[in-house]
Amino acid sequence: MDLNLISQIVGIVAGILAIITALFAGIRYFFKKNAELTSNVEQIDIRLDANDSLYTQKSEGDKKIITPEKNITVEKISSSKYKFPSIDFKFRNTGNAVAFLWEFSLDIIDIKVNIEPVLSFDSYIDNSGNLVIEVKNTGWGDAKNVHVKIKNEILNSCFSENECEFSGEIKSNERKEIFLFNGNRVANKLNQKIDQISVVCSYSDEDNNEYTDEYYVRGKKMEIGENGFQEIHHPPIRHQMAPSDEIYITYVDPDKLEKEIPYPISRKILSGDVERFHIMVGSNKSCKVSLRFVFKVDKSEIITSEVFEISIYNPIGSELNSEFKDGNMLKRDIQKMDKENKELEKIQIKKMKRQLEHFPFLEEKQ
């Protein structure tokens, strides 16, 4: 055989082997490179958003304690943006691949109904010009050994000490008339205005815990007229509702034995990106719940928060939970977000604005 032909064949075979070798090297590099692409999601911060609701947070050891503000009422909490505590979550992906956060759950450690009585006092004027004061217990437990004493200059001067005091029991969800001040007895105070009426009230709950506080008596502004007590009429005050990132609505039920409550979620966190959202924790009753937030990322990563001990305020008849549906996701106020952590949030604000332009169909991150 011609040596030149043999040489050509050898060259061709060597070339083919070189190509095959390079091809396998490329394949190995490809799989090795992709095997090194992993996401790594970590918590930056989880805390109560104090701008959303009338709740406060403090830390005790490795727990975060969330409680309603002092002297909270249904009227006060109804004027807040969210009626229940809203938790602000921030995560960062420090890996080199996209991370998918696809579920979170409430891991319930303990939950029980708050049986502390919730007393409120209201007043009105009956058809005979008499002033009537009522007390209502919207708490989930009875108020025992109740003692109420009126504090008001005109009432205390026109009525005896016994007439300005009440003792008794107020059951859960009970409304009771406790004072009736005869309009004829205040005739010598004609045209005088009635200053804010308050009461000092002491009581105990079903576990014999004792409470003492001063309450304002709600009602219309009053003065003394010819026929006794009469209302002072004013034009109504107009309230402007605040405009309403994303908040997930969750509810716990102290009457159920649920230990884990899962919620689906779909959030993509790019490499090096920060993701932020809120979770509101509500209940159909006033209760104290101890829980952790558990997040599932990609196929197997699980992120668990520290323990949150949350006291939720929702007295009988408040209808605070009627505005939000369990499992819903709501838009948040972009203008409010613009004011917070401006440097950190610039990218997030732009993303939110793009998303809201396509709501409810969320635009994919570029």
Protein backbone atom coordinates (compact mmCIF):
# COMPACT_ATOMS: atom_id res chain seq x y z
CA MET A 1 0.00 0.00 0.00
CA ASP A 2 1.17 3.50 -0.82
CA LEU A 3 2.87 5.10 2.16
CA ASN A 4 1.23 8.46 1.38
CA LEU A 5 -2.23 6.87 1.56
CA ILE A 6 -1.39 5.21 4.85
CA SER A 7 -0.11 8.49 6.18
CA GLN A 8 -3.35 10.23 5.13
CA ILE A 9 -5.49 7.55 6.79
CA VAL A 10 -3.48 7.82 10.00
CA GLY A 11 -3.87 11.59 9.90
CA ILE A 12 -7.64 11.32 9.42
CA VAL A 13 -7.99 8.82 12.27
CA ALA A 14 -5.86 11.01 14.53
CA GLY A 15 -8.04 13.99 13.62
CA ILE A 16 -11.22 12.07 14.41
CA LEU A 17 -9.79 10.91 17.74
CA ALA A 18 -8.79 14.49 18.54
CA ILE A 19 -12.34 15.68 17.77
CA ILE A 20 -13.87 12.91 19.90
CA THR A 21 -11.49 13.71 22.75
CA ALA A 22 -12.34 17.41 22.58
CA LEU A 23 -16.06 16.59 22.40
CA PHE A 24 -15.92 14.44 25.54
CA ALA A 25 -13.83 17.08 27.29
CA GLY A 26 -16.47 19.66 26.40
CA ILE A 27 -19.27 17.44 27.67
CA ARG A 28 -17.44 16.82 30.94
CA TYR A 29 -16.84 20.55 31.35
CA PHE A 30 -20.51 21.31 30.66
CA PHE A 31 -21.80 18.89 33.28
CA LYS A 32 -19.17 19.92 35.79
CA LYS A 33 -19.97 23.59 35.27
CA ASN A 34 -23.72 23.05 35.67
CA ALA A 35 -23.18 20.82 38.68
CA GLU A 36 -21.48 23.79 40.35
CA LEU A 37 -24.52 26.07 39.81
CA THR A 38 -26.42 26.16 43.10
CA SER A 39 -28.65 28.64 44.86
CA ASN A 40 -28.15 29.60 48.49
CA VAL A 41 -30.99 31.54 50.12
CA GLU A 42 -30.49 33.08 53.54
CA GLN A 43 -32.58 35.28 55.83
CA ILE A 44 -31.53 38.89 56.04
CA ASP A 45 -34.17 40.03 58.48
CA ILE A 46 -37.59 39.01 59.79
CA ARG A 47 -39.48 41.41 62.01
CA LEU A 48 -42.84 43.04 62.67
CA ASP A 49 -43.63 45.94 60.36
CA ALA A 50 -44.74 48.51 62.94
CA ASN A 51 -46.08 50.82 60.21
CA ASP A 52 -48.79 48.34 59.18
CA SER A 53 -50.73 47.74 62.38
CA LEU A 54 -51.12 48.71 66.04
CA TYR A 55 -48.75 46.03 67.32
CA THR A 56 -45.30 46.24 68.91
CA GLN A 57 -42.36 43.81 69.03
CA LYS A 58 -39.66 43.03 71.56
CA SER A 59 -37.08 40.24 71.84
CA GLU A 60 -36.77 37.81 74.73
CA GLY A 61 -33.85 35.40 74.28
CA ASP A 62 -34.33 33.64 70.96
CA LYS A 63 -38.01 34.61 70.69
CA LYS A 64 -39.75 37.66 69.26
CA ILE A 65 -42.78 38.78 71.25
CA ILE A 66 -45.54 40.64 69.37
CA THR A 67 -48.38 42.24 71.32
CA PRO A 68 -51.12 44.84 70.67
CA GLU A 69 -50.44 48.40 71.72
CA LYS A 70 -51.70 49.43 75.15
CA ASN A 71 -55.35 50.49 75.33
CA ILE A 72 -56.06 49.11 71.87
CA THR A 73 -59.69 49.24 70.72
CA VAL A 74 -61.62 47.98 67.71
CA GLU A 75 -62.05 51.58 66.56
CA LYS A 76 -58.30 52.24 66.70
CA ILE A 77 -57.33 49.00 65.02
CA SER A 78 -59.98 49.42 62.31
CA SER A 79 -58.26 52.61 61.17
CA SER A 80 -54.91 50.84 60.68
CA LYS A 81 -53.91 49.47 57.29
CA TYR A 82 -53.86 45.83 58.36
CA LYS A 83 -55.95 44.72 61.32
CA PHE A 84 -53.50 42.03 62.44
CA PRO A 85 -49.69 41.92 62.84
CA SER A 86 -47.76 42.03 59.55
CA ILE A 87 -44.32 40.36 59.46
CA ASP A 88 -41.68 41.77 57.07
CA PHE A 89 -39.44 39.11 55.46
CA LYS A 90 -36.17 39.73 53.60
CA PHE A 91 -34.16 36.98 51.88
CA ARG A 92 -30.94 37.09 49.82
CA ASN A 93 -29.72 34.52 47.28
CA THR A 94 -25.93 34.30 47.65
CA GLY A 95 -25.62 31.34 45.25
CA ASN A 96 -24.87 31.40 41.52
CA ALA A 97 -28.22 29.94 40.35
CA VAL A 98 -31.81 31.15 40.47
CA ALA A 99 -33.71 30.06 43.62
CA PHE A 100 -37.44 29.29 43.67
CA LEU A 101 -39.34 29.83 46.90
CA TRP A 102 -42.48 27.74 46.42
CA GLU A 103 -44.13 27.29 49.81
CA PHE A 104 -44.24 28.65 53.32
CA SER A 105 -46.05 27.26 56.33
CA LEU A 106 -46.98 28.27 59.85
CA ASP A 107 -45.44 25.76 62.27
CA ILE A 108 -47.75 26.05 65.29
CA ILE A 109 -45.96 25.31 68.57
CA ASP A 110 -48.81 26.33 70.86
CA ILE A 111 -52.06 28.30 70.62
CA LYS A 112 -54.83 29.14 73.07
CA VAL A 113 -57.75 31.53 73.31
CA ASN A 114 -57.10 34.72 75.27
CA ILE A 115 -59.80 34.74 77.99
CA GLU A 116 -58.97 38.23 79.27
CA PRO A 117 -62.17 40.29 79.30
CA VAL A 118 -62.31 43.28 76.94
CA LEU A 119 -64.54 45.96 78.42
CA SER A 120 -65.82 49.07 76.70
CA PHE A 121 -68.19 51.76 77.93
CA ASP A 122 -70.79 53.63 75.87
CA SER A 123 -73.31 56.34 76.63
CA TYR A 124 -76.53 57.61 75.09
CA ILE A 125 -79.43 59.88 76.04
CA ASP A 126 -82.87 58.29 76.23
CA ASN A 127 -86.16 59.92 75.21
CA SER A 128 -86.64 61.37 78.69
CA GLY A 129 -83.34 63.26 78.74
CA ASN A 130 -81.63 60.73 81.01
CA LEU A 131 -78.02 59.72 80.52
CA VAL A 132 -77.51 55.96 80.20
CA ILE A 133 -74.07 54.32 80.45
CA GLU A 134 -73.56 50.73 79.33
CA VAL A 135 -70.65 48.32 79.56
CA LYS A 136 -69.95 45.56 77.03
CA ASN A 137 -67.55 42.64 77.37
CA THR A 138 -66.26 41.64 73.91
CA GLY A 139 -63.51 39.44 75.36
CA TRP A 140 -63.61 35.65 75.18
CA GLY A 141 -63.91 35.21 78.96
CA ASP A 142 -66.17 36.51 81.75
CA ALA A 143 -65.29 39.57 83.85
CA LYS A 144 -65.75 38.84 87.56
CA ASN A 145 -65.73 41.10 90.61
CA VAL A 146 -66.28 44.14 88.42
CA HIS A 147 -66.21 47.51 90.19
CA VAL A 148 -66.79 50.72 88.20
CA LYS A 149 -66.54 54.30 89.47
CA ILE A 150 -67.57 57.40 87.46
CA LYS A 151 -65.09 60.29 87.02
CA ASN A 152 -66.81 63.47 85.81
CA GLU A 153 -67.17 66.81 87.58
CA ILE A 154 -70.87 67.41 86.85
CA LEU A 155 -71.99 63.82 87.44
CA ASN A 156 -69.97 63.50 90.65
CA SER A 157 -71.42 66.79 91.95
CA CYS A 158 -75.06 66.01 91.09
CA PHE A 159 -75.23 62.34 92.07
CA SER A 160 -74.20 60.47 95.21
CA GLU A 161 -71.14 58.25 95.50
CA ASN A 162 -73.31 55.13 95.46
CA GLU A 163 -75.09 56.32 92.30
CA CYS A 164 -71.71 56.77 90.60
CA GLU A 165 -70.49 53.25 91.38
CA PHE A 166 -71.37 49.79 90.06
CA SER A 167 -70.40 46.29 91.20
CA GLY A 168 -71.25 43.01 89.50
CA GLU A 169 -70.24 40.53 86.80
CA ILE A 170 -70.11 41.01 83.02
CA LYS A 171 -70.20 37.78 81.05
CA SER A 172 -68.46 37.26 77.72
CA ASN A 173 -70.42 38.96 74.90
CA GLU A 174 -72.77 40.62 77.42
CA ARG A 175 -73.94 44.23 77.21
CA LYS A 176 -75.34 45.65 80.44
CA GLU A 177 -76.79 49.00 81.52
CA ILE A 178 -74.90 50.00 84.67
CA PHE A 179 -75.79 53.70 85.19
CA LEU A 180 -78.90 55.79 84.59
CA PHE A 181 -78.53 59.45 85.52
CA ASN A 182 -81.85 61.30 85.78
CA GLY A 183 -81.89 64.43 83.63
CA ASN A 184 -84.04 66.32 86.17
CA ARG A 185 -81.23 66.14 88.71
CA VAL A 186 -78.89 68.32 86.62
CA ALA A 187 -81.27 71.27 86.05
CA ASN A 188 -79.03 73.58 88.07
CA LYS A 189 -76.25 73.02 85.48
CA LEU A 190 -78.26 74.43 82.55
CA ASN A 191 -76.24 75.06 79.34
CA GLN A 192 -73.08 73.59 80.84
CA LYS A 193 -71.18 71.16 78.66
CA ILE A 194 -70.41 67.66 79.92
CA ASP A 195 -66.67 67.07 79.87
CA GLN A 196 -65.29 63.73 78.82
CA ILE A 197 -66.72 61.03 81.07
CA SER A 198 -64.29 58.37 82.26
CA VAL A 199 -64.52 55.43 84.64
CA VAL A 200 -62.03 53.61 86.83
CA CYS A 201 -62.72 49.90 86.49
CA SER A 202 -61.28 46.88 88.29
CA TYR A 203 -62.14 43.24 87.57
CA SER A 204 -60.72 39.72 87.42
CA ASP A 205 -60.78 37.04 84.72
CA GLU A 206 -61.70 33.36 84.95
CA ASP A 207 -58.14 32.50 86.06
CA ASN A 208 -58.41 35.11 88.85
CA ASN A 209 -55.92 37.50 87.26
CA GLU A 210 -56.78 41.03 88.41
CA TYR A 211 -56.92 44.18 86.26
CA THR A 212 -57.45 47.88 86.96
CA ASP A 213 -57.61 50.59 84.32
CA GLU A 214 -59.24 53.87 83.40
CA TYR A 215 -61.57 53.97 80.40
CA TYR A 216 -63.16 56.78 78.42
CA VAL A 217 -66.91 56.47 77.98
CA ARG A 218 -67.73 56.69 74.30
CA GLY A 219 -70.67 58.75 73.11
CA LYS A 220 -71.83 62.02 71.58
CA LYS A 221 -70.79 65.38 73.02
CA MET A 222 -73.38 66.53 75.56
CA GLU A 223 -74.63 69.53 77.47
CA ILE A 224 -77.36 70.24 79.97
CA GLY A 225 -80.60 71.48 78.38
CA GLU A 226 -84.01 72.39 79.71
CA ASN A 227 -85.16 68.75 79.49
CA GLY A 228 -82.02 67.22 80.98
CA PHE A 229 -79.08 65.83 79.05
CA GLN A 230 -78.94 66.66 75.34
CA GLU A 231 -76.52 66.05 72.46
CA ILE A 232 -74.34 68.71 70.85
CA HIS A 233 -74.51 68.12 67.11
CA HIS A 234 -71.43 68.54 64.89
CA PRO A 235 -70.96 67.86 61.17
CA PRO A 236 -69.42 64.43 60.52
CA ILE A 237 -65.65 64.11 60.09
CA ARG A 238 -64.52 62.69 56.79
CA HIS A 239 -61.79 60.08 56.89
CA GLN A 240 -59.42 59.58 53.97
CA MET A 241 -58.43 55.97 53.44
CA ALA A 242 -54.73 55.30 52.94
CA PRO A 243 -53.89 53.64 49.60
CA SER A 244 -53.08 50.14 49.90
CA ASP A 245 -44.92 45.07 47.49
CA GLU A 246 -47.16 42.04 48.41
CA ILE A 247 -48.61 40.67 51.63
CA TYR A 248 -49.82 37.11 52.19
CA ILE A 249 -52.87 36.66 54.42
CA THR A 250 -52.78 33.80 56.95
CA TYR A 251 -55.14 32.84 59.78
CA VAL A 252 -54.75 30.61 62.84
CA ASP A 253 -57.73 29.10 64.65
CA PRO A 254 -57.32 28.38 68.39
CA ASP A 255 -60.24 25.93 68.23
CA LYS A 256 -58.47 23.65 65.73
CA LEU A 257 -55.59 21.30 66.48
CA GLU A 258 -53.55 22.33 63.45
CA LYS A 259 -49.79 21.99 63.90
CA GLU A 260 -48.78 23.07 60.40
CA ILE A 261 -50.65 25.32 57.99
CA PRO A 262 -49.08 25.33 54.47
CA TYR A 263 -49.52 28.11 51.90
CA PRO A 264 -48.38 27.93 48.26
CA ILE A 265 -46.14 30.74 47.06
CA SER A 266 -44.25 31.47 43.84
CA ARG A 267 -41.24 33.75 44.12
CA LYS A 268 -38.04 33.68 42.07
CA ILE A 269 -34.82 35.02 43.62
CA LEU A 270 -32.03 35.74 41.15
CA SER A 271 -28.40 35.20 42.07
CA GLY A 272 -27.27 38.12 44.25
CA ASP A 273 -30.82 39.49 44.47
CA VAL A 274 -32.87 40.40 47.55
CA GLU A 275 -36.51 39.38 47.88
CA ARG A 276 -38.94 41.07 50.25
CA PHE A 277 -42.56 40.40 51.16
CA HIS A 278 -44.90 40.43 54.15
CA ILE A 279 -47.06 37.84 55.91
CA MET A 280 -50.03 38.90 58.03
CA VAL A 281 -51.04 36.56 60.87
CA GLY A 282 -54.68 36.91 61.93
CA SER A 283 -57.23 34.90 63.87
CA ASN A 284 -60.99 34.64 64.29
CA LYS A 285 -60.55 35.09 68.06
CA SER A 286 -58.24 36.90 70.44
CA CYS A 287 -55.50 34.40 71.13
CA LYS A 288 -51.84 33.87 71.93
CA VAL A 289 -49.94 31.77 69.38
CA SER A 290 -46.32 30.60 69.39
CA LEU A 291 -45.07 29.68 65.92
CA ARG A 292 -42.23 29.53 63.43
CA PHE A 293 -42.31 30.42 59.74
CA VAL A 294 -40.97 27.61 57.53
CA PHE A 295 -39.99 28.27 53.89
CA LYS A 296 -39.32 25.68 51.18
CA VAL A 297 -36.78 26.63 48.49
CA ASP A 298 -35.90 24.63 45.35
CA LYS A 299 -36.03 20.84 45.78
CA SER A 300 -34.84 20.34 49.34
CA GLU A 301 -33.76 23.56 51.08
CA ILE A 302 -35.81 24.49 54.16
CA ILE A 303 -35.46 27.81 56.00
CA THR A 304 -36.96 28.11 59.49
CA SER A 305 -37.39 31.38 61.37
CA GLU A 306 -36.90 31.92 65.07
CA VAL A 307 -39.95 31.56 67.33
CA PHE A 308 -42.58 34.30 67.23
CA GLU A 309 -44.97 34.62 70.18
CA ILE A 310 -47.91 36.66 68.89
CA SER A 311 -50.84 37.97 70.93
CA ILE A 312 -53.67 38.63 68.48
CA TYR A 313 -56.49 41.04 69.33
CA ASN A 314 -59.89 40.16 67.90
CA PRO A 315 -62.78 40.62 70.38
CA ILE A 316 -66.31 39.37 69.87
CA GLY A 317 -68.24 41.16 67.13
CA SER A 318 -65.26 43.17 65.87
CA GLU A 319 -65.43 41.75 62.31
CA LEU A 320 -61.71 42.54 61.99
CA ASN A 321 -61.17 39.35 59.96
CA SER A 322 -63.99 40.08 57.49
CA GLU A 323 -61.78 42.31 55.31
CA PHE A 324 -59.14 39.66 54.53
CA LYS A 325 -59.45 36.11 53.19
CA ASP A 326 -57.13 33.33 54.33
CA GLY A 327 -54.55 32.48 51.65
CA ASN A 328 -54.99 35.68 49.64
CA MET A 329 -52.11 37.81 48.39
CA LEU A 330 -52.58 41.58 48.34
CA LYS A 331 -50.67 44.47 46.84
CA ARG A 332 -48.96 46.84 49.24
CA ASP A 333 -48.49 50.60 49.08
CA ILE A 334 -45.61 51.48 46.76
CA GLN A 335 -45.42 55.06 48.04
CA LYS A 336 -44.81 53.81 51.58
CA MET A 337 -42.11 51.48 50.36
CA ASP A 338 -40.40 54.38 48.58
CA LYS A 339 -39.75 55.99 51.94
CA GLU A 340 -38.14 52.92 53.52
CA ASN A 341 -34.52 51.99 53.06
CA LYS A 342 -34.27 53.87 49.77
CA GLU A 343 -30.89 52.61 48.69
CA LEU A 344 -31.74 48.96 49.40
CA GLU A 345 -35.23 49.17 47.96
CA LYS A 346 -34.66 50.96 44.63
CA ILE A 347 -34.45 47.75 42.63
CA GLN A 348 -37.37 46.23 44.53
CA ILE A 349 -39.59 49.26 43.94
CA LYS A 350 -38.96 49.15 40.20
CA LYS A 351 -39.79 45.45 40.17
CA MET A 352 -43.02 46.04 42.08
CA LYS A 353 -44.10 48.79 39.74
CA ARG A 354 -43.53 46.52 36.74
CA GLN A 355 -45.51 43.78 38.44
CA LEU A 356 -48.44 46.02 39.26
CA GLU A 357 -48.67 47.13 35.65
CA HIS A 358 -49.43 43.52 34.78
CA PHE A 359 -51.39 42.59 37.91
CA PRO A 360 -52.64 39.94 38.54
CA PHE A 361 -50.27 38.37 35.99
CA LEU A 362 -46.83 38.86 37.48
CA GLU A 363 -44.04 39.72 35.07
CA GLU A 364 -41.01 37.45 35.07
CA LYS A 365 -37.78 38.98 36.34
CA GLN A 366 -35.31 39.81 33.60
